[in-house]
Amino acid sequence: MKKQLILVGISVLLIFVGLSGCSEENKQQNYLSKFIGTWRLVEVTFEGYPYGMDNHTEETWIFYENKSAKITSIHFMEYPEEPNASIIINWIYLTISDDTLTFLTGDGPVWLNYFFSYNDTQLTLTIPGNMTQKLNKIE
């Protein structure tokens, strides 16, 4: 009888441990689902000073289901006689927790705090004490 109770106890414990792993994976997926889509950078604040995005620069972030993101920055020349533009594309891989987004880059990890507002259509990313970026969801 004691052996049966011990086996039942161990079985219940293993089931709970297995289910808790599923719960963490589901949490990660729920966090990620808010990010998925295309976002446009609309404001940058650096060390407390806001910088609006000028009409010569566009930056978009596309978050994918496979925990990667593509950041595209386009700077258009300021004068019509200069039809060229500079384009920078960065691919990053990320992990997400309940309030932190971690980019895994070739230079090492970058940690950003994040929060969503306006019914999950605005994303604010913050490097604590340094820089804040606001992005609006466009797709």
N, C-alpha and C. Protein backbone atom coordinates (compact mmCIF):
# COMPACT_ATOMS: atom_id res chain seq x y z
N MET A 1 0.81 -1.19 0.00
CA MET A 1 0.00 0.00 0.00
C MET A 1 0.86 1.27 0.00
N LYS A 2 1.95 1.26 0.82
CA LYS A 2 2.84 2.41 0.87
C LYS A 2 3.50 2.64 -0.48
N LYS A 3 3.91 1.54 -1.14
CA LYS A 3 4.56 1.66 -2.44
C LYS A 3 3.61 2.29 -3.46
N GLN A 4 2.34 1.89 -3.40
CA GLN A 4 1.37 2.45 -4.33
C GLN A 4 1.17 3.95 -4.09
N LEU A 5 1.11 4.35 -2.83
CA LEU A 5 0.96 5.77 -2.51
C LEU A 5 2.18 6.57 -2.97
N ILE A 6 3.36 6.00 -2.78
CA ILE A 6 4.58 6.67 -3.23
C ILE A 6 4.58 6.81 -4.75
N LEU A 7 4.20 5.74 -5.46
CA LEU A 7 4.14 5.79 -6.92
C LEU A 7 3.12 6.82 -7.40
N VAL A 8 1.97 6.87 -6.74
CA VAL A 8 0.95 7.86 -7.10
C VAL A 8 1.48 9.27 -6.86
N GLY A 9 2.14 9.48 -5.73
CA GLY A 9 2.71 10.79 -5.40
C GLY A 9 3.76 11.22 -6.42
N ILE A 10 4.63 10.31 -6.79
CA ILE A 10 5.67 10.63 -7.78
C ILE A 10 5.02 10.93 -9.13
N SER A 11 4.01 10.17 -9.51
CA SER A 11 3.32 10.40 -10.78
C SER A 11 2.67 11.78 -10.81
N VAL A 12 2.00 12.14 -9.72
CA VAL A 12 1.35 13.46 -9.65
C VAL A 12 2.40 14.56 -9.75
N LEU A 13 3.51 14.39 -9.04
CA LEU A 13 4.59 15.38 -9.08
C LEU A 13 5.14 15.54 -10.50
N LEU A 14 5.37 14.44 -11.19
CA LEU A 14 5.87 14.50 -12.56
C LEU A 14 4.88 15.18 -13.50
N ILE A 15 3.61 14.93 -13.29
CA ILE A 15 2.58 15.57 -14.12
C ILE A 15 2.61 17.09 -13.91
N PHE A 16 2.68 17.53 -12.65
CA PHE A 16 2.73 18.97 -12.36
C PHE A 16 3.98 19.62 -12.94
N VAL A 17 5.11 18.97 -12.84
CA VAL A 17 6.35 19.51 -13.39
C VAL A 17 6.22 19.62 -14.91
N GLY A 18 5.67 18.60 -15.56
CA GLY A 18 5.48 18.63 -17.01
C GLY A 18 4.54 19.73 -17.45
N LEU A 19 3.45 19.91 -16.71
CA LEU A 19 2.49 20.94 -17.06
C LEU A 19 3.03 22.35 -16.82
N SER A 20 3.87 22.52 -15.83
CA SER A 20 4.43 23.85 -15.59
C SER A 20 5.32 24.26 -16.75
N GLY A 21 6.02 23.35 -17.37
CA GLY A 21 6.83 23.65 -18.56
C GLY A 21 5.95 24.10 -19.71
N CYS A 22 4.81 23.48 -19.88
CA CYS A 22 3.88 23.88 -20.93
C CYS A 22 3.36 25.28 -20.68
N SER A 23 3.11 25.59 -19.41
CA SER A 23 2.61 26.90 -19.04
C SER A 23 3.61 27.98 -19.41
N GLU A 24 4.89 27.78 -19.15
CA GLU A 24 5.92 28.76 -19.51
C GLU A 24 5.98 28.95 -21.02
N GLU A 25 5.88 27.85 -21.77
CA GLU A 25 5.91 27.95 -23.23
C GLU A 25 4.69 28.71 -23.73
N ASN A 26 3.52 28.47 -23.13
CA ASN A 26 2.31 29.20 -23.52
C ASN A 26 2.44 30.68 -23.20
N LYS A 27 3.05 31.02 -22.06
CA LYS A 27 3.26 32.42 -21.70
C LYS A 27 4.14 33.10 -22.74
N GLN A 28 5.24 32.44 -23.12
CA GLN A 28 6.14 32.99 -24.14
C GLN A 28 5.37 33.25 -25.44
N GLN A 29 4.53 32.29 -25.84
CA GLN A 29 3.77 32.43 -27.08
C GLN A 29 2.78 33.58 -26.97
N ASN A 30 2.13 33.76 -25.80
CA ASN A 30 1.20 34.87 -25.61
C ASN A 30 1.91 36.21 -25.70
N TYR A 31 3.09 36.32 -25.08
CA TYR A 31 3.85 37.56 -25.17
C TYR A 31 4.22 37.84 -26.62
N LEU A 32 4.72 36.82 -27.30
CA LEU A 32 5.17 36.97 -28.68
C LEU A 32 4.04 37.39 -29.61
N SER A 33 2.85 36.87 -29.39
CA SER A 33 1.74 37.15 -30.30
C SER A 33 1.41 38.64 -30.38
N LYS A 34 1.63 39.39 -29.30
CA LYS A 34 1.38 40.84 -29.34
C LYS A 34 2.38 41.56 -30.25
N PHE A 35 3.59 41.03 -30.34
CA PHE A 35 4.63 41.67 -31.14
C PHE A 35 4.48 41.42 -32.63
N ILE A 36 3.98 40.24 -33.00
CA ILE A 36 3.98 39.82 -34.40
C ILE A 36 3.29 40.84 -35.29
N GLY A 37 3.98 41.23 -36.34
CA GLY A 37 3.44 42.20 -37.28
C GLY A 37 4.48 43.26 -37.61
N THR A 38 4.02 44.31 -38.30
CA THR A 38 4.89 45.39 -38.74
C THR A 38 4.63 46.63 -37.91
N TRP A 39 5.70 47.24 -37.45
CA TRP A 39 5.64 48.42 -36.58
C TRP A 39 6.48 49.54 -37.19
N ARG A 40 6.02 50.77 -37.06
CA ARG A 40 6.77 51.93 -37.55
C ARG A 40 7.22 52.77 -36.37
N LEU A 41 8.50 53.11 -36.37
CA LEU A 41 9.05 53.96 -35.31
C LEU A 41 8.50 55.38 -35.48
N VAL A 42 7.91 55.94 -34.40
CA VAL A 42 7.32 57.27 -34.49
C VAL A 42 7.97 58.29 -33.56
N GLU A 43 8.70 57.81 -32.54
CA GLU A 43 9.33 58.75 -31.61
C GLU A 43 10.50 58.09 -30.91
N VAL A 44 11.55 58.87 -30.71
CA VAL A 44 12.71 58.42 -29.96
C VAL A 44 13.00 59.45 -28.88
N THR A 45 13.20 59.01 -27.65
CA THR A 45 13.62 59.88 -26.57
C THR A 45 14.97 59.38 -26.09
N PHE A 46 15.95 60.27 -26.12
CA PHE A 46 17.30 59.89 -25.72
C PHE A 46 17.68 60.71 -24.50
N GLU A 47 17.94 60.02 -23.39
CA GLU A 47 18.30 60.64 -22.12
C GLU A 47 17.34 61.76 -21.75
N GLY A 48 16.05 61.50 -21.92
CA GLY A 48 15.02 62.45 -21.50
C GLY A 48 14.64 63.50 -22.51
N TYR A 49 15.32 63.56 -23.66
CA TYR A 49 15.01 64.57 -24.66
C TYR A 49 14.33 63.91 -25.85
N PRO A 50 13.07 64.32 -26.15
CA PRO A 50 12.34 63.69 -27.26
C PRO A 50 12.87 64.15 -28.62
N TYR A 51 12.93 63.20 -29.52
CA TYR A 51 13.27 63.48 -30.91
C TYR A 51 12.14 62.94 -31.76
N GLY A 52 11.49 63.81 -32.50
CA GLY A 52 10.48 63.33 -33.44
C GLY A 52 11.18 62.71 -34.63
N MET A 53 10.50 61.86 -35.33
CA MET A 53 11.08 61.26 -36.53
C MET A 53 10.93 62.27 -37.66
N ASP A 54 12.04 62.62 -38.30
CA ASP A 54 11.95 63.58 -39.40
C ASP A 54 11.36 62.90 -40.63
N ASN A 55 10.95 63.72 -41.58
CA ASN A 55 10.31 63.15 -42.77
C ASN A 55 11.30 62.58 -43.76
N HIS A 56 12.58 62.51 -43.38
CA HIS A 56 13.59 61.92 -44.25
C HIS A 56 14.02 60.54 -43.77
N THR A 57 13.47 60.11 -42.66
CA THR A 57 13.88 58.82 -42.09
C THR A 57 12.65 57.97 -41.80
N GLU A 58 12.72 56.71 -42.17
CA GLU A 58 11.67 55.75 -41.84
C GLU A 58 12.34 54.53 -41.22
N GLU A 59 11.74 54.01 -40.17
CA GLU A 59 12.26 52.78 -39.57
C GLU A 59 11.08 51.86 -39.30
N THR A 60 11.17 50.65 -39.77
CA THR A 60 10.13 49.65 -39.52
C THR A 60 10.75 48.43 -38.86
N TRP A 61 9.97 47.84 -37.98
CA TRP A 61 10.34 46.61 -37.29
C TRP A 61 9.28 45.58 -37.65
N ILE A 62 9.72 44.42 -38.12
CA ILE A 62 8.77 43.34 -38.40
C ILE A 62 9.14 42.17 -37.48
N PHE A 63 8.19 41.79 -36.63
CA PHE A 63 8.39 40.66 -35.72
C PHE A 63 7.71 39.44 -36.32
N TYR A 64 8.41 38.31 -36.28
CA TYR A 64 7.92 37.06 -36.86
C TYR A 64 7.65 36.03 -35.77
N GLU A 65 6.85 35.02 -36.13
CA GLU A 65 6.48 33.96 -35.18
C GLU A 65 7.66 33.12 -34.73
N ASN A 66 8.74 33.08 -35.49
CA ASN A 66 9.89 32.25 -35.13
C ASN A 66 10.86 32.98 -34.19
N LYS A 67 10.39 34.05 -33.55
CA LYS A 67 11.17 34.84 -32.58
C LYS A 67 12.34 35.56 -33.24
N SER A 68 12.14 35.99 -34.47
CA SER A 68 13.12 36.83 -35.14
C SER A 68 12.44 38.15 -35.49
N ALA A 69 13.26 39.14 -35.79
CA ALA A 69 12.72 40.44 -36.20
C ALA A 69 13.66 41.05 -37.23
N LYS A 70 13.07 41.82 -38.12
CA LYS A 70 13.83 42.52 -39.15
C LYS A 70 13.62 44.02 -38.92
N ILE A 71 14.72 44.74 -38.73
CA ILE A 71 14.65 46.18 -38.52
C ILE A 71 15.24 46.85 -39.76
N THR A 72 14.41 47.66 -40.42
CA THR A 72 14.84 48.35 -41.64
C THR A 72 14.81 49.85 -41.40
N SER A 73 15.96 50.50 -41.59
CA SER A 73 16.07 51.96 -41.46
C SER A 73 16.40 52.52 -42.83
N ILE A 74 15.58 53.47 -43.28
CA ILE A 74 15.80 54.12 -44.56
C ILE A 74 15.95 55.62 -44.31
N HIS A 75 17.04 56.18 -44.77
CA HIS A 75 17.23 57.63 -44.68
C HIS A 75 17.25 58.18 -46.10
N PHE A 76 16.24 58.99 -46.41
CA PHE A 76 16.15 59.60 -47.72
C PHE A 76 16.97 60.89 -47.72
N MET A 77 17.61 61.17 -48.82
CA MET A 77 18.37 62.40 -48.92
C MET A 77 17.41 63.58 -48.82
N GLU A 78 17.89 64.69 -48.32
CA GLU A 78 17.02 65.82 -48.00
C GLU A 78 16.59 66.65 -49.21
N TYR A 79 17.27 66.50 -50.33
CA TYR A 79 16.99 67.35 -51.47
C TYR A 79 16.54 66.51 -52.66
N PRO A 80 15.55 67.01 -53.42
CA PRO A 80 15.04 66.23 -54.55
C PRO A 80 16.11 65.86 -55.57
N GLU A 81 17.14 66.71 -55.72
CA GLU A 81 18.19 66.39 -56.68
C GLU A 81 19.09 65.27 -56.20
N GLU A 82 18.89 64.80 -54.96
CA GLU A 82 19.64 63.67 -54.41
C GLU A 82 18.67 62.50 -54.22
N PRO A 83 18.39 61.75 -55.29
CA PRO A 83 17.35 60.72 -55.19
C PRO A 83 17.78 59.45 -54.44
N ASN A 84 19.00 59.42 -53.96
CA ASN A 84 19.48 58.22 -53.28
C ASN A 84 18.97 58.14 -51.85
N ALA A 85 19.04 56.96 -51.30
CA ALA A 85 18.68 56.73 -49.91
C ALA A 85 19.65 55.71 -49.34
N SER A 86 19.92 55.82 -48.05
CA SER A 86 20.72 54.79 -47.40
C SER A 86 19.77 53.85 -46.67
N ILE A 87 20.04 52.58 -46.79
CA ILE A 87 19.18 51.57 -46.19
C ILE A 87 20.04 50.66 -45.32
N ILE A 88 19.59 50.45 -44.10
CA ILE A 88 20.27 49.54 -43.17
C ILE A 88 19.24 48.50 -42.74
N ILE A 89 19.58 47.22 -42.89
CA ILE A 89 18.70 46.13 -42.48
C ILE A 89 19.42 45.28 -41.45
N ASN A 90 18.79 45.09 -40.31
CA ASN A 90 19.34 44.24 -39.25
C ASN A 90 18.35 43.13 -38.93
N TRP A 91 18.86 41.92 -38.85
CA TRP A 91 18.05 40.78 -38.40
C TRP A 91 18.46 40.47 -36.97
N ILE A 92 17.48 40.26 -36.12
CA ILE A 92 17.78 39.94 -34.73
C ILE A 92 16.94 38.74 -34.30
N TYR A 93 17.40 38.07 -33.29
CA TYR A 93 16.66 36.98 -32.67
C TYR A 93 16.37 37.42 -31.25
N LEU A 94 15.23 37.01 -30.71
CA LEU A 94 14.82 37.56 -29.44
C LEU A 94 14.18 36.53 -28.53
N THR A 95 14.21 36.87 -27.25
CA THR A 95 13.44 36.15 -26.25
C THR A 95 12.58 37.18 -25.54
N ILE A 96 11.44 36.73 -25.04
CA ILE A 96 10.46 37.64 -24.45
C ILE A 96 10.03 37.09 -23.11
N SER A 97 10.03 37.97 -22.10
CA SER A 97 9.43 37.63 -20.81
C SER A 97 8.28 38.60 -20.58
N ASP A 98 7.73 38.60 -19.38
CA ASP A 98 6.55 39.43 -19.14
C ASP A 98 6.80 40.93 -19.25
N ASP A 99 8.04 41.41 -19.16
CA ASP A 99 8.30 42.84 -19.31
C ASP A 99 9.64 43.15 -19.98
N THR A 100 10.35 42.13 -20.43
CA THR A 100 11.67 42.34 -21.02
C THR A 100 11.77 41.64 -22.38
N LEU A 101 12.31 42.38 -23.33
CA LEU A 101 12.59 41.86 -24.66
C LEU A 101 14.11 41.80 -24.78
N THR A 102 14.65 40.64 -25.10
CA THR A 102 16.09 40.48 -25.21
C THR A 102 16.45 40.16 -26.65
N PHE A 103 17.26 41.03 -27.27
CA PHE A 103 17.74 40.79 -28.62
C PHE A 103 19.03 40.02 -28.54
N LEU A 104 19.14 39.00 -29.33
CA LEU A 104 20.38 38.25 -29.42
C LEU A 104 21.07 38.67 -30.70
N THR A 105 22.10 39.49 -30.58
CA THR A 105 22.81 40.01 -31.74
C THR A 105 24.23 39.46 -31.77
N GLY A 106 24.93 39.73 -32.84
CA GLY A 106 26.32 39.30 -32.95
C GLY A 106 27.22 39.97 -31.92
N ASP A 107 26.81 41.13 -31.42
CA ASP A 107 27.58 41.86 -30.40
C ASP A 107 27.18 41.47 -28.98
N GLY A 108 26.27 40.53 -28.83
CA GLY A 108 25.81 40.12 -27.51
C GLY A 108 24.37 40.53 -27.29
N PRO A 109 23.82 40.21 -26.12
CA PRO A 109 22.41 40.50 -25.86
C PRO A 109 22.16 41.97 -25.55
N VAL A 110 20.97 42.45 -25.92
CA VAL A 110 20.50 43.79 -25.59
C VAL A 110 19.17 43.62 -24.88
N TRP A 111 19.03 44.18 -23.68
CA TRP A 111 17.81 44.05 -22.90
C TRP A 111 17.01 45.33 -22.97
N LEU A 112 15.74 45.20 -23.32
CA LEU A 112 14.82 46.33 -23.39
C LEU A 112 13.58 46.03 -22.56
N ASN A 113 13.12 47.00 -21.79
CA ASN A 113 11.81 46.89 -21.17
C ASN A 113 10.79 47.26 -22.22
N TYR A 114 9.61 46.67 -22.15
CA TYR A 114 8.59 47.00 -23.12
C TYR A 114 7.23 47.09 -22.45
N PHE A 115 6.34 47.84 -23.06
CA PHE A 115 4.93 47.77 -22.71
C PHE A 115 4.10 48.22 -23.90
N PHE A 116 2.88 47.70 -23.94
CA PHE A 116 1.94 48.00 -25.00
C PHE A 116 0.89 48.98 -24.48
N SER A 117 0.42 49.85 -25.35
CA SER A 117 -0.65 50.78 -25.00
C SER A 117 -1.58 50.93 -26.21
N TYR A 118 -2.63 51.72 -26.02
CA TYR A 118 -3.60 51.97 -27.08
C TYR A 118 -4.10 50.67 -27.71
N ASN A 119 -4.61 49.80 -26.83
CA ASN A 119 -5.18 48.53 -27.28
C ASN A 119 -4.16 47.69 -28.06
N ASP A 120 -2.92 47.68 -27.57
CA ASP A 120 -1.82 46.90 -28.15
C ASP A 120 -1.40 47.37 -29.54
N THR A 121 -1.69 48.64 -29.88
CA THR A 121 -1.27 49.16 -31.18
C THR A 121 -0.06 50.10 -31.07
N GLN A 122 0.38 50.40 -29.84
CA GLN A 122 1.61 51.15 -29.65
C GLN A 122 2.52 50.37 -28.73
N LEU A 123 3.77 50.27 -29.12
CA LEU A 123 4.78 49.53 -28.37
C LEU A 123 5.86 50.51 -27.94
N THR A 124 6.17 50.52 -26.66
CA THR A 124 7.24 51.36 -26.14
C THR A 124 8.37 50.47 -25.67
N LEU A 125 9.56 50.70 -26.22
CA LEU A 125 10.77 49.95 -25.87
C LEU A 125 11.71 50.90 -25.14
N THR A 126 12.26 50.46 -24.02
CA THR A 126 13.11 51.32 -23.21
C THR A 126 14.40 50.62 -22.81
N ILE A 127 15.52 51.29 -23.06
CA ILE A 127 16.78 50.91 -22.45
C ILE A 127 16.85 51.77 -21.20
N PRO A 128 16.71 51.17 -20.02
CA PRO A 128 16.56 51.96 -18.79
C PRO A 128 17.63 53.05 -18.65
N GLY A 129 17.14 54.28 -18.37
CA GLY A 129 18.00 55.42 -18.13
C GLY A 129 18.67 55.99 -19.36
N ASN A 130 18.32 55.50 -20.54
CA ASN A 130 19.06 55.92 -21.71
C ASN A 130 18.15 56.34 -22.87
N MET A 131 17.36 55.40 -23.39
CA MET A 131 16.62 55.68 -24.61
C MET A 131 15.26 54.98 -24.59
N THR A 132 14.26 55.67 -25.15
CA THR A 132 12.93 55.10 -25.31
C THR A 132 12.51 55.26 -26.77
N GLN A 133 11.92 54.20 -27.32
CA GLN A 133 11.41 54.25 -28.68
C GLN A 133 9.93 53.88 -28.65
N LYS A 134 9.11 54.64 -29.39
CA LYS A 134 7.69 54.32 -29.54
C LYS A 134 7.44 53.91 -30.98
N LEU A 135 6.75 52.77 -31.11
CA LEU A 135 6.42 52.25 -32.42
C LEU A 135 4.90 52.06 -32.50
N ASN A 136 4.33 52.37 -33.66
CA ASN A 136 2.91 52.13 -33.91
C ASN A 136 2.76 50.96 -34.85
N LYS A 137 1.79 50.10 -34.54
CA LYS A 137 1.54 48.92 -35.38
C LYS A 137 0.85 49.38 -36.67
N ILE A 138 1.38 48.93 -37.80
CA ILE A 138 0.79 49.30 -39.09
C ILE A 138 0.20 48.10 -39.81
N GLU A 139 0.54 46.89 -39.39
CA GLU A 139 -0.05 45.67 -39.98
C GLU A 139 -0.17 44.62 -38.92
